[in-house]
Amino acid sequence: MTTLSGVNQEHVDAVASGEPAWLAESRKQALAKFLSLPSEVSPLYSKYSDANRIKPEGVHLAILQTKHEVGSDLAKRLEELEKETGILQVGAETSRVFVKDDDAKKGVIVSGIREAITKNADLVRAHVEANPLDFGEDKYLALEAAAFQSGVFVYIPRNVVVEEPIRLITSLAEDGTSLVSRNILVAEENSKATVVQELYAPGAGSGTQQGYFELIETSIKPNAHLEAVTLQAMGADTVCVSNRKAFVERDAKMSWYSGLFGSLLSRYRTDSIMKGSGATAEDIEIVFGIGSQSFDITSNLIHNGQYSRGRVQVKSVLKDTSKSLFKGMIKIGKGGKGTESYLSGHAILLDRGAKSDCVPGLEILTNEVRATHSASVAQMDEGQIFYLMTRGLSREGAKREIVSGFLEPLSRKMGPTIRAWVNYLIENKWQGNTLMLKTDEAMEQILEVEKSRYRETQDIFEKHYKYR
């Protein structure tokens, strides 16, 4: 075992034991960048960064995969997972893998990344070589590529539509060790699938900081559509660092949907690279912070193909002394003629001690494009609170209704099931309950409401003369 501050070539070699030479070389190059880069590479953002909340000497990484017991809450989630296609990881170990017969017959692959490197080496290598990473972009991107201990590989074959979501459930181990993970999702031509990721952490002991560092790479082939949903509900004393890369080809679509609720520090960077003509990418993120939580969100839209489309919308709700930072950039290359792109970050502050910063930007190298951005940060309107209180709501109830209205336009873009999961976690966090999805009475009620609203909305659009 070593600490994050002690990661070196010896540690990487031990983690990568038995891997092919091409991957070992990639790890070596990434490690060199990790050791040389500062925590925040961009001087523009360094003054805003809370990366110093990561304590490298307190983050412990195991070299060997160790079998961990599945806790009682996770055991209940496991019962539900057995009926679906998905995977459960506890620490660096792949505890369970389930693939429904229908999906297996279609050629769908869901496995741990180590197993994929052995059994599906050609598929993994083809993705890595077709979509090379720049390890100099971010220190923790380089860490994740160099020292990953585990991860997930999901492969959707050509012309395959997976009807039910593929579930990826990851929990940090109860022994306080941290995890470095690399996840690769591939959607071949004309395929369609939804992948739902749940992240949990039990919390570390005294003197230890538990962390989750992940790299997610998605390869979206021509005319494919992949939805990647992240529900981050880790313990309030952990750190969560995620680098997400989408490589979107001709007429394909990548949709990121995220609900970020847990961790002392959540540091998410999403790069959507539209490589082909007509490619589309969207990134919808909801953040809810309490206490002293910090959320550092970066989302970049990179348009290299003609007539591509991009949209980023991030909304933060912040209580107590929590804070959020939204950084985003629209980059339109010389070959990006006809591009339309939109970037927005908005925050509502529920208490005087809460804070939010937004730093959007544009970098355009061609003509005949449309690119806009917007940002706003505001305290909750006391007039609105007073009005709702005169209608019989308590002050706390009035705040919750205003927050619901603030998030509604964003959550509406998600399907009814995803909206129900997000609302369930928001409700539990507001009440101070444990953050974990459960199929209980409260969840059933929320799900029924969302499905009913979805049906009503469909009826309105179908009957209104404008949409005939």
Protein backbone atom coordinates (compact mmCIF):
# COMPACT_ATOMS: atom_id res chain seq x y z
CA MET A 1 0.00 0.00 0.00
CA THR A 2 1.12 3.56 -0.70
CA THR A 3 -0.21 7.08 -0.36
CA LEU A 4 -1.12 9.42 -3.20
CA SER A 5 2.02 11.42 -2.47
CA GLY A 6 4.07 8.22 -2.82
CA VAL A 7 2.82 7.14 -6.26
CA ASN A 8 5.88 6.32 -8.39
CA GLN A 9 6.98 3.97 -11.18
CA GLU A 10 7.37 1.07 -8.76
CA HIS A 11 3.77 1.44 -7.60
CA VAL A 12 2.47 1.72 -11.18
CA ASP A 13 4.45 -1.36 -12.25
CA ALA A 14 2.98 -3.34 -9.37
CA VAL A 15 -0.58 -2.27 -10.22
CA ALA A 16 -0.05 -2.99 -13.93
CA SER A 17 1.53 -6.40 -13.48
CA GLY A 18 0.78 -8.70 -16.42
CA GLU A 19 -0.63 -6.01 -18.71
CA PRO A 20 0.43 -5.68 -22.39
CA ALA A 21 3.45 -3.55 -23.30
CA TRP A 22 1.44 -0.84 -25.10
CA LEU A 23 -0.61 -0.15 -21.97
CA ALA A 24 2.44 -0.20 -19.71
CA GLU A 25 4.06 2.43 -21.92
CA SER A 26 0.92 4.57 -21.78
CA ARG A 27 0.94 4.34 -18.00
CA LYS A 28 4.59 5.39 -17.92
CA GLN A 29 3.96 8.49 -20.03
CA ALA A 30 0.97 9.48 -17.89
CA LEU A 31 2.94 9.04 -14.65
CA ALA A 32 5.63 11.44 -15.85
CA LYS A 33 2.98 14.11 -16.37
CA PHE A 34 1.32 13.44 -13.02
CA LEU A 35 4.59 13.91 -11.16
CA SER A 36 5.41 17.16 -12.95
CA LEU A 37 2.05 19.00 -13.05
CA PRO A 38 0.52 21.27 -10.38
CA SER A 39 -2.93 20.48 -8.97
CA GLU A 40 -4.46 23.24 -11.11
CA VAL A 41 -2.82 23.54 -14.51
CA SER A 42 -4.56 26.72 -15.69
CA PRO A 43 -3.37 29.95 -14.02
CA LEU A 44 -6.77 31.46 -14.89
CA TYR A 45 -8.52 29.06 -12.51
CA SER A 46 -5.87 28.55 -9.83
CA LYS A 47 -7.15 31.36 -7.60
CA TYR A 48 -10.60 29.74 -7.47
CA SER A 49 -9.47 26.15 -6.98
CA ASP A 50 -10.06 24.10 -3.84
CA ALA A 51 -7.72 21.33 -5.00
CA ASN A 52 -5.73 21.88 -1.80
CA ARG A 53 -8.51 20.04 0.02
CA ILE A 54 -6.99 16.86 -1.39
CA LYS A 55 -4.42 15.64 1.15
CA PRO A 56 -2.05 13.34 -0.82
CA GLU A 57 -0.32 12.04 2.30
CA GLY A 58 -3.69 10.93 3.74
CA VAL A 59 -5.00 9.15 0.64
CA HIS A 60 -4.05 5.44 0.77
CA LEU A 61 -3.99 3.26 -2.35
CA ALA A 62 -3.90 -0.53 -2.31
CA ILE A 63 -1.76 -2.34 -4.87
CA LEU A 64 -3.52 -5.71 -4.89
CA GLN A 65 -7.24 -6.31 -5.27
CA THR A 66 -8.68 -7.28 -1.91
CA LYS A 67 -12.03 -8.95 -1.33
CA HIS A 68 -14.36 -6.67 0.63
CA GLU A 69 -17.65 -7.48 2.30
CA VAL A 70 -20.78 -6.00 0.73
CA GLY A 71 -22.50 -3.79 3.31
CA SER A 72 -26.19 -4.14 4.18
CA ASP A 73 -27.29 -1.11 2.12
CA LEU A 74 -25.31 -2.28 -0.89
CA ALA A 75 -26.67 -5.79 -0.45
CA LYS A 76 -30.17 -4.42 -1.03
CA ARG A 77 -28.98 -2.63 -4.16
CA LEU A 78 -27.38 -5.93 -5.23
CA GLU A 79 -30.75 -7.70 -5.06
CA GLU A 80 -32.11 -5.17 -7.57
CA LEU A 81 -29.01 -5.36 -9.74
CA GLU A 82 -29.39 -9.13 -10.18
CA LYS A 83 -32.49 -8.47 -12.28
CA GLU A 84 -30.68 -6.05 -14.61
CA THR A 85 -27.50 -5.71 -16.63
CA GLY A 86 -24.78 -4.15 -14.52
CA ILE A 87 -21.74 -4.43 -12.32
CA LEU A 88 -20.94 -3.86 -8.64
CA GLN A 89 -17.48 -2.75 -7.51
CA VAL A 90 -16.42 -2.53 -3.88
CA GLY A 91 -12.99 -0.99 -3.60
CA ALA A 92 -10.74 -2.21 -6.42
CA GLU A 93 -12.56 -5.54 -6.66
CA THR A 94 -15.28 -6.35 -9.18
CA SER A 95 -17.75 -8.02 -6.82
CA ARG A 96 -20.60 -8.91 -9.20
CA VAL A 97 -21.32 -8.78 -12.93
CA PHE A 98 -24.78 -9.39 -14.35
CA VAL A 99 -25.72 -9.41 -18.04
CA LYS A 100 -29.31 -10.23 -18.96
CA ASP A 101 -29.72 -13.05 -21.45
CA ASP A 102 -31.26 -10.76 -24.06
CA ASP A 103 -28.33 -8.35 -23.83
CA ALA A 104 -25.75 -11.15 -23.88
CA LYS A 105 -27.30 -12.59 -27.06
CA LYS A 106 -26.97 -9.18 -28.70
CA GLY A 107 -23.23 -9.16 -27.91
CA VAL A 108 -23.34 -6.54 -25.14
CA ILE A 109 -20.22 -6.68 -22.95
CA VAL A 110 -20.10 -5.48 -19.34
CA SER A 111 -16.96 -6.39 -17.40
CA GLY A 112 -14.20 -5.12 -15.15
CA ILE A 113 -11.48 -3.22 -17.04
CA ARG A 114 -8.80 -5.75 -16.07
CA GLU A 115 -10.85 -8.61 -17.49
CA ALA A 116 -11.49 -6.58 -20.65
CA ILE A 117 -7.77 -5.92 -21.13
CA THR A 118 -7.29 -9.70 -21.14
CA LYS A 119 -10.40 -11.01 -22.92
CA ASN A 120 -11.25 -8.03 -25.17
CA ALA A 121 -7.80 -6.60 -25.69
CA ASP A 122 -8.40 -5.65 -29.34
CA LEU A 123 -11.53 -3.63 -28.52
CA VAL A 124 -9.86 -1.78 -25.64
CA ARG A 125 -6.70 -1.02 -27.61
CA ALA A 126 -8.68 0.15 -30.67
CA HIS A 127 -10.50 2.71 -28.52
CA VAL A 128 -7.37 3.94 -26.73
CA GLU A 129 -5.40 4.37 -29.97
CA ALA A 130 -8.28 6.01 -31.87
CA ASN A 131 -8.85 8.58 -29.10
CA PRO A 132 -5.46 9.50 -27.60
CA LEU A 133 -5.44 11.52 -24.38
CA ASP A 134 -3.36 14.58 -23.60
CA PHE A 135 -2.02 13.76 -20.14
CA GLY A 136 -0.78 17.34 -19.76
CA GLU A 137 -4.32 18.72 -19.55
CA ASP A 138 -4.84 17.84 -15.90
CA LYS A 139 -2.74 16.36 -13.10
CA TYR A 140 -5.45 13.97 -11.99
CA LEU A 141 -6.26 12.86 -15.53
CA ALA A 142 -2.63 11.77 -15.72
CA LEU A 143 -2.95 9.99 -12.34
CA GLU A 144 -6.06 8.11 -13.48
CA ALA A 145 -4.41 6.96 -16.71
CA ALA A 146 -1.19 5.97 -14.92
CA ALA A 147 -2.30 4.28 -11.70
CA PHE A 148 -5.82 2.93 -12.27
CA GLN A 149 -6.44 -0.18 -10.19
CA SER A 150 -9.84 -1.08 -11.58
CA GLY A 151 -12.70 0.17 -13.73
CA VAL A 152 -15.47 -0.90 -16.06
CA PHE A 153 -15.66 -1.77 -19.74
CA VAL A 154 -19.01 -1.49 -21.53
CA TYR A 155 -19.39 -2.36 -25.20
CA ILE A 156 -22.58 -1.91 -27.27
CA PRO A 157 -22.29 -3.65 -30.67
CA ARG A 158 -23.38 -2.17 -33.97
CA ASN A 159 -27.15 -1.72 -34.50
CA VAL A 160 -27.96 -2.83 -30.94
CA VAL A 161 -30.46 -0.94 -28.80
CA VAL A 162 -30.30 -1.70 -25.06
CA GLU A 163 -33.76 -0.92 -23.68
CA GLU A 164 -33.04 -0.93 -19.94
CA PRO A 165 -30.26 1.10 -18.26
CA ILE A 166 -26.91 -0.60 -17.61
CA ARG A 167 -26.12 -0.09 -13.92
CA LEU A 168 -22.59 0.64 -12.68
CA ILE A 169 -22.47 0.74 -8.88
CA THR A 170 -19.18 1.62 -7.19
CA SER A 171 -18.51 1.92 -3.49
CA LEU A 172 -15.22 2.66 -1.79
CA ALA A 173 -14.06 0.03 0.68
CA GLU A 174 -14.83 0.23 4.39
CA ASP A 175 -11.14 -0.14 5.27
CA GLY A 176 -10.55 3.53 4.28
CA THR A 177 -8.52 2.85 1.15
CA SER A 178 -9.03 5.01 -1.94
CA LEU A 179 -9.59 4.01 -5.54
CA VAL A 180 -8.22 5.01 -8.94
CA SER A 181 -10.49 3.85 -11.75
CA ARG A 182 -10.56 3.88 -15.56
CA ASN A 183 -13.88 3.27 -17.30
CA ILE A 184 -14.30 2.82 -21.06
CA LEU A 185 -17.73 2.93 -22.73
CA VAL A 186 -18.03 2.15 -26.45
CA ALA A 187 -21.20 2.53 -28.53
CA GLU A 188 -20.74 1.19 -32.04
CA GLU A 189 -22.49 2.53 -35.15
CA ASN A 190 -26.31 2.91 -34.94
CA SER A 191 -26.42 1.65 -31.34
CA LYS A 192 -28.21 3.19 -28.37
CA ALA A 193 -27.87 2.69 -24.61
CA THR A 194 -28.12 4.35 -21.21
CA VAL A 195 -25.47 3.78 -18.54
CA VAL A 196 -26.28 4.78 -14.94
CA GLN A 197 -23.39 5.19 -12.51
CA GLU A 198 -23.94 5.28 -8.73
CA LEU A 199 -21.05 6.31 -6.48
CA TYR A 200 -20.94 5.68 -2.73
CA ALA A 201 -18.35 5.89 0.05
CA PRO A 202 -18.70 4.81 3.69
CA GLY A 203 -16.15 7.36 4.97
CA ALA A 204 -12.59 6.98 6.20
CA GLY A 205 -11.15 6.82 9.68
CA SER A 206 -9.18 9.45 11.56
CA GLY A 207 -6.03 10.62 9.78
CA THR A 208 -7.14 9.14 6.47
CA GLN A 209 -8.81 10.86 3.55
CA GLN A 210 -10.75 8.54 1.30
CA GLY A 211 -10.74 9.51 -2.37
CA TYR A 212 -12.20 8.33 -5.65
CA PHE A 213 -10.28 9.25 -8.82
CA GLU A 214 -11.86 8.18 -12.09
CA LEU A 215 -11.34 8.53 -15.82
CA ILE A 216 -14.37 7.90 -18.04
CA GLU A 217 -13.81 7.62 -21.80
CA THR A 218 -16.72 7.22 -24.20
CA SER A 219 -16.45 6.43 -27.90
CA ILE A 220 -19.66 7.21 -29.80
CA LYS A 221 -19.53 5.86 -33.33
CA PRO A 222 -21.55 7.28 -36.28
CA ASN A 223 -25.29 7.64 -35.62
CA ALA A 224 -25.03 6.12 -32.12
CA HIS A 225 -26.51 7.64 -28.96
CA LEU A 226 -25.17 7.09 -25.46
CA GLU A 227 -26.59 8.52 -22.24
CA ALA A 228 -24.27 8.48 -19.23
CA VAL A 229 -25.96 9.27 -15.91
CA THR A 230 -23.89 9.90 -12.77
CA LEU A 231 -25.42 10.00 -9.28
CA GLN A 232 -22.63 10.91 -6.87
CA ALA A 233 -23.66 10.27 -3.26
CA MET A 234 -20.36 9.74 -1.46
CA GLY A 235 -19.69 10.49 2.20
CA ALA A 236 -19.19 14.10 3.21
CA ASP A 237 -15.54 13.57 4.21
CA THR A 238 -14.36 12.05 0.91
CA VAL A 239 -12.93 13.64 -2.23
CA CYS A 240 -14.18 12.74 -5.70
CA VAL A 241 -12.17 13.66 -8.81
CA SER A 242 -13.55 12.74 -12.23
CA ASN A 243 -12.24 13.37 -15.74
CA ARG A 244 -14.76 12.52 -18.46
CA LYS A 245 -13.99 12.41 -22.18
CA ALA A 246 -16.52 11.90 -24.97
CA PHE A 247 -15.37 11.32 -28.54
CA VAL A 248 -18.44 11.82 -30.73
CA GLU A 249 -18.39 10.91 -34.41
CA ARG A 250 -20.61 11.77 -37.39
CA ASP A 251 -24.33 12.25 -36.55
CA ALA A 252 -23.80 10.64 -33.13
CA LYS A 253 -24.98 12.01 -29.78
CA MET A 254 -23.49 11.97 -26.28
CA SER A 255 -25.65 12.96 -23.30
CA TRP A 256 -24.13 13.49 -19.85
CA TYR A 257 -26.62 13.77 -16.95
CA SER A 258 -25.22 14.29 -13.44
CA GLY A 259 -26.56 14.75 -9.93
CA LEU A 260 -23.71 15.70 -7.58
CA PHE A 261 -24.59 15.56 -3.89
CA GLY A 262 -21.78 14.01 -1.84
CA SER A 263 -18.09 14.50 -0.96
CA LEU A 264 -16.11 17.22 0.74
CA LEU A 265 -14.69 18.10 -2.68
CA SER A 266 -16.21 17.11 -6.04
CA ARG A 267 -13.96 17.99 -8.96
CA TYR A 268 -15.56 17.10 -12.29
CA ARG A 269 -14.13 17.89 -15.70
CA THR A 270 -16.09 16.95 -18.84
CA ASP A 271 -14.68 17.34 -22.36
CA SER A 272 -17.10 16.60 -25.20
CA ILE A 273 -15.14 16.37 -28.45
CA MET A 274 -17.33 16.44 -31.54
CA LYS A 275 -15.11 14.83 -34.13
CA GLY A 276 -17.57 14.33 -36.98
CA SER A 277 -20.08 16.33 -38.98
CA GLY A 278 -23.48 16.57 -37.28
CA ALA A 279 -22.21 15.34 -33.92
CA THR A 280 -24.12 16.42 -30.80
CA ALA A 281 -23.17 16.60 -27.13
CA GLU A 282 -25.02 17.80 -24.06
CA ASP A 283 -23.96 18.04 -20.42
CA ILE A 284 -26.69 18.60 -17.80
CA GLU A 285 -25.52 18.83 -14.18
CA ILE A 286 -27.37 19.48 -10.91
CA VAL A 287 -25.34 20.33 -7.79
CA PHE A 288 -26.68 20.48 -4.22
CA GLY A 289 -24.19 21.54 -1.55
CA ILE A 290 -24.50 21.87 2.23
CA GLY A 291 -22.05 22.42 5.09
CA SER A 292 -18.57 23.18 3.77
CA GLN A 293 -18.82 21.12 0.57
CA SER A 294 -17.02 22.36 -2.53
CA PHE A 295 -17.94 21.59 -6.15
CA ASP A 296 -15.44 22.36 -8.92
CA ILE A 297 -17.16 21.81 -12.27
CA THR A 298 -15.53 22.17 -15.70
CA SER A 299 -17.34 21.43 -18.95
CA ASN A 300 -15.81 22.05 -22.37
CA LEU A 301 -17.48 21.73 -25.77
CA ILE A 302 -14.90 21.13 -28.49
CA HIS A 303 -16.28 21.35 -32.03
CA ASN A 304 -14.06 19.92 -34.75
CA GLY A 305 -16.76 18.70 -37.15
CA GLN A 306 -19.12 20.77 -39.29
CA TYR A 307 -22.70 21.45 -38.20
CA SER A 308 -22.16 20.00 -34.74
CA ARG A 309 -24.31 20.92 -31.73
CA GLY A 310 -23.34 21.39 -28.10
CA ARG A 311 -25.16 22.38 -24.92
CA VAL A 312 -23.96 22.64 -21.31
CA GLN A 313 -26.28 23.59 -18.46
CA VAL A 314 -25.14 23.49 -14.83
CA LYS A 315 -27.30 24.58 -11.89
CA SER A 316 -26.10 24.73 -8.28
CA VAL A 317 -28.09 25.01 -5.05
CA LEU A 318 -25.88 25.95 -2.11
CA LYS A 319 -26.60 26.06 1.63
CA ASP A 320 -24.55 26.99 4.71
CA THR A 321 -20.94 27.75 3.63
CA SER A 322 -20.83 25.43 0.63
CA LYS A 323 -19.41 26.71 -2.63
CA SER A 324 -19.35 25.93 -6.33
CA LEU A 325 -17.11 26.90 -9.21
CA PHE A 326 -18.25 26.49 -12.80
CA LYS A 327 -15.65 26.73 -15.58
CA GLY A 328 -16.57 26.15 -19.18
CA MET A 329 -15.26 26.76 -22.67
CA ILE A 330 -16.70 26.52 -26.15
CA LYS A 331 -13.93 25.78 -28.64
CA ILE A 332 -14.82 25.82 -32.33
CA GLY A 333 -12.00 24.70 -34.62
CA LYS A 334 -11.35 25.77 -38.18
CA GLY A 335 -13.40 22.86 -39.48
CA GLY A 336 -16.41 23.70 -37.29
CA LYS A 337 -18.48 25.65 -39.80
CA GLY A 338 -22.21 25.70 -39.05
CA THR A 339 -21.75 24.89 -35.36
CA GLU A 340 -24.32 25.87 -32.72
CA SER A 341 -23.17 25.81 -29.10
CA TYR A 342 -24.49 27.03 -25.74
CA LEU A 343 -22.89 27.12 -22.29
CA SER A 344 -24.54 28.19 -19.04
CA GLY A 345 -23.89 28.09 -15.31
CA HIS A 346 -26.40 29.34 -12.73
CA ALA A 347 -26.42 29.17 -8.93
CA ILE A 348 -28.87 29.99 -6.18
CA LEU A 349 -27.53 30.72 -2.67
CA LEU A 350 -29.74 29.73 0.26
CA ASP A 351 -27.52 31.24 2.98
CA ARG A 352 -25.24 34.26 3.26
CA GLY A 353 -22.15 32.11 3.74
CA ALA A 354 -22.62 30.19 0.47
CA LYS A 355 -20.58 31.20 -2.57
CA SER A 356 -20.47 30.51 -6.29
CA ASP A 357 -18.25 31.62 -9.19
CA CYS A 358 -18.84 31.16 -12.92
CA VAL A 359 -16.11 31.53 -15.56
CA PRO A 360 -17.47 30.75 -19.06
CA GLY A 361 -15.47 31.41 -22.24
CA LEU A 362 -15.42 31.21 -26.03
CA GLU A 363 -12.63 30.34 -28.48
CA ILE A 364 -13.78 30.50 -32.10
CA LEU A 365 -11.53 29.94 -35.12
CA THR A 366 -14.05 29.99 -37.98
CA ASN A 367 -17.06 31.87 -39.37
CA GLU A 368 -20.76 31.03 -39.76
CA VAL A 369 -21.28 29.74 -36.23
CA ARG A 370 -23.57 30.49 -33.28
CA ALA A 371 -21.98 30.34 -29.82
CA THR A 372 -23.36 31.90 -26.65
CA HIS A 373 -22.84 31.60 -22.91
CA SER A 374 -24.58 32.84 -19.77
CA ALA A 375 -23.95 32.83 -16.04
CA SER A 376 -25.72 34.06 -12.91
CA VAL A 377 -25.37 33.83 -9.13
CA ALA A 378 -28.11 35.13 -6.81
CA GLN A 379 -29.36 34.94 -3.25
CA MET A 380 -32.82 33.49 -2.75
CA ASP A 381 -35.49 36.17 -3.22
CA GLU A 382 -37.02 37.08 0.16
CA GLY A 383 -40.09 38.40 -1.63
CA GLN A 384 -40.75 34.99 -3.14
CA ILE A 385 -40.27 33.32 0.24
CA PHE A 386 -42.72 35.76 1.88
CA TYR A 387 -45.31 35.22 -0.86
CA LEU A 388 -45.20 31.43 -0.48
CA MET A 389 -45.38 31.72 3.32
CA THR A 390 -48.58 33.77 2.99
CA ARG A 391 -50.00 30.80 1.08
CA GLY A 392 -49.46 28.50 4.06
CA LEU A 393 -45.93 27.16 3.57
CA SER A 394 -43.28 27.25 6.29
CA ARG A 395 -40.10 29.18 5.55
CA GLU A 396 -38.21 25.94 4.92
CA GLY A 397 -41.03 24.65 2.74
CA ALA A 398 -41.02 27.87 0.73
CA LYS A 399 -37.28 27.53 0.10
CA ARG A 400 -37.75 23.98 -1.11
CA GLU A 401 -40.48 25.01 -3.55
CA ILE A 402 -38.26 27.78 -4.97
CA VAL A 403 -35.37 25.32 -5.38
CA SER A 404 -37.70 22.86 -7.11
CA GLY A 405 -38.76 25.56 -9.56
CA PHE A 406 -35.15 26.57 -10.14
CA LEU A 407 -34.11 23.01 -11.04
CA GLU A 408 -37.27 22.00 -12.91
CA PRO A 409 -36.26 23.29 -16.40
CA LEU A 410 -33.03 21.30 -16.13
CA SER A 411 -34.44 18.06 -14.71
CA ARG A 412 -37.16 18.15 -17.37
CA LYS A 413 -34.52 17.32 -19.96
CA MET A 414 -33.94 13.98 -18.23
CA GLY A 415 -36.28 11.02 -18.48
CA PRO A 416 -38.88 10.49 -15.70
CA THR A 417 -36.92 7.70 -14.00
CA ILE A 418 -33.71 9.73 -13.84
CA ARG A 419 -35.65 12.75 -12.54
CA ALA A 420 -37.14 10.56 -9.82
CA TRP A 421 -33.69 9.34 -8.74
CA VAL A 422 -32.33 12.90 -8.63
CA ASN A 423 -35.35 14.20 -6.68
CA TYR A 424 -35.11 11.27 -4.25
CA LEU A 425 -31.48 12.10 -3.45
CA ILE A 426 -32.27 15.83 -3.12
CA GLU A 427 -35.11 15.05 -0.71
CA ASN A 428 -32.91 12.76 1.41
CA LYS A 429 -30.07 15.25 1.51
CA TRP A 430 -32.42 18.05 2.55
CA GLN A 431 -33.68 15.89 5.41
CA GLY A 432 -30.19 14.76 6.42
CA ASN A 433 -30.83 11.10 5.54
CA THR A 434 -28.36 8.61 4.09
CA LEU A 435 -27.65 9.23 0.41
CA MET A 436 -28.38 5.95 -1.34
CA LEU A 437 -30.98 4.96 -3.90
CA LYS A 438 -33.56 2.55 -2.48
CA THR A 439 -36.78 1.15 -3.85
CA ASP A 440 -38.81 2.26 -0.82
CA GLU A 441 -42.22 3.90 -0.47
CA ALA A 442 -40.80 7.41 -0.92
CA MET A 443 -39.06 6.38 -4.14
CA GLU A 444 -42.23 4.73 -5.47
CA GLN A 445 -44.23 7.91 -4.82
CA ILE A 446 -41.67 10.16 -6.51
CA LEU A 447 -41.39 7.80 -9.48
CA GLU A 448 -45.16 7.70 -9.95
CA VAL A 449 -45.36 11.52 -9.84
CA GLU A 450 -42.60 11.89 -12.43
CA LYS A 451 -44.11 9.30 -14.76
CA SER A 452 -47.51 10.99 -14.46
CA ARG A 453 -46.01 14.40 -15.26
CA TYR A 454 -44.18 12.90 -18.22
CA ARG A 455 -47.41 11.43 -19.63
CA GLU A 456 -49.25 14.73 -19.15
CA THR A 457 -46.50 16.64 -20.93
CA GLN A 458 -46.64 14.22 -23.83
CA ASP A 459 -50.40 14.67 -24.10
CA ILE A 460 -50.07 18.46 -24.18
CA PHE A 461 -47.55 18.36 -27.01
CA GLU A 462 -49.55 15.79 -28.97
CA LYS A 463 -52.85 17.70 -28.73
CA HIS A 464 -51.63 21.27 -29.21
CA TYR A 465 -52.10 22.45 -32.77
CA LYS A 466 -48.55 23.82 -33.02
CA TYR A 467 -47.08 20.32 -32.71
CA ARG A 468 -49.38 18.44 -35.10
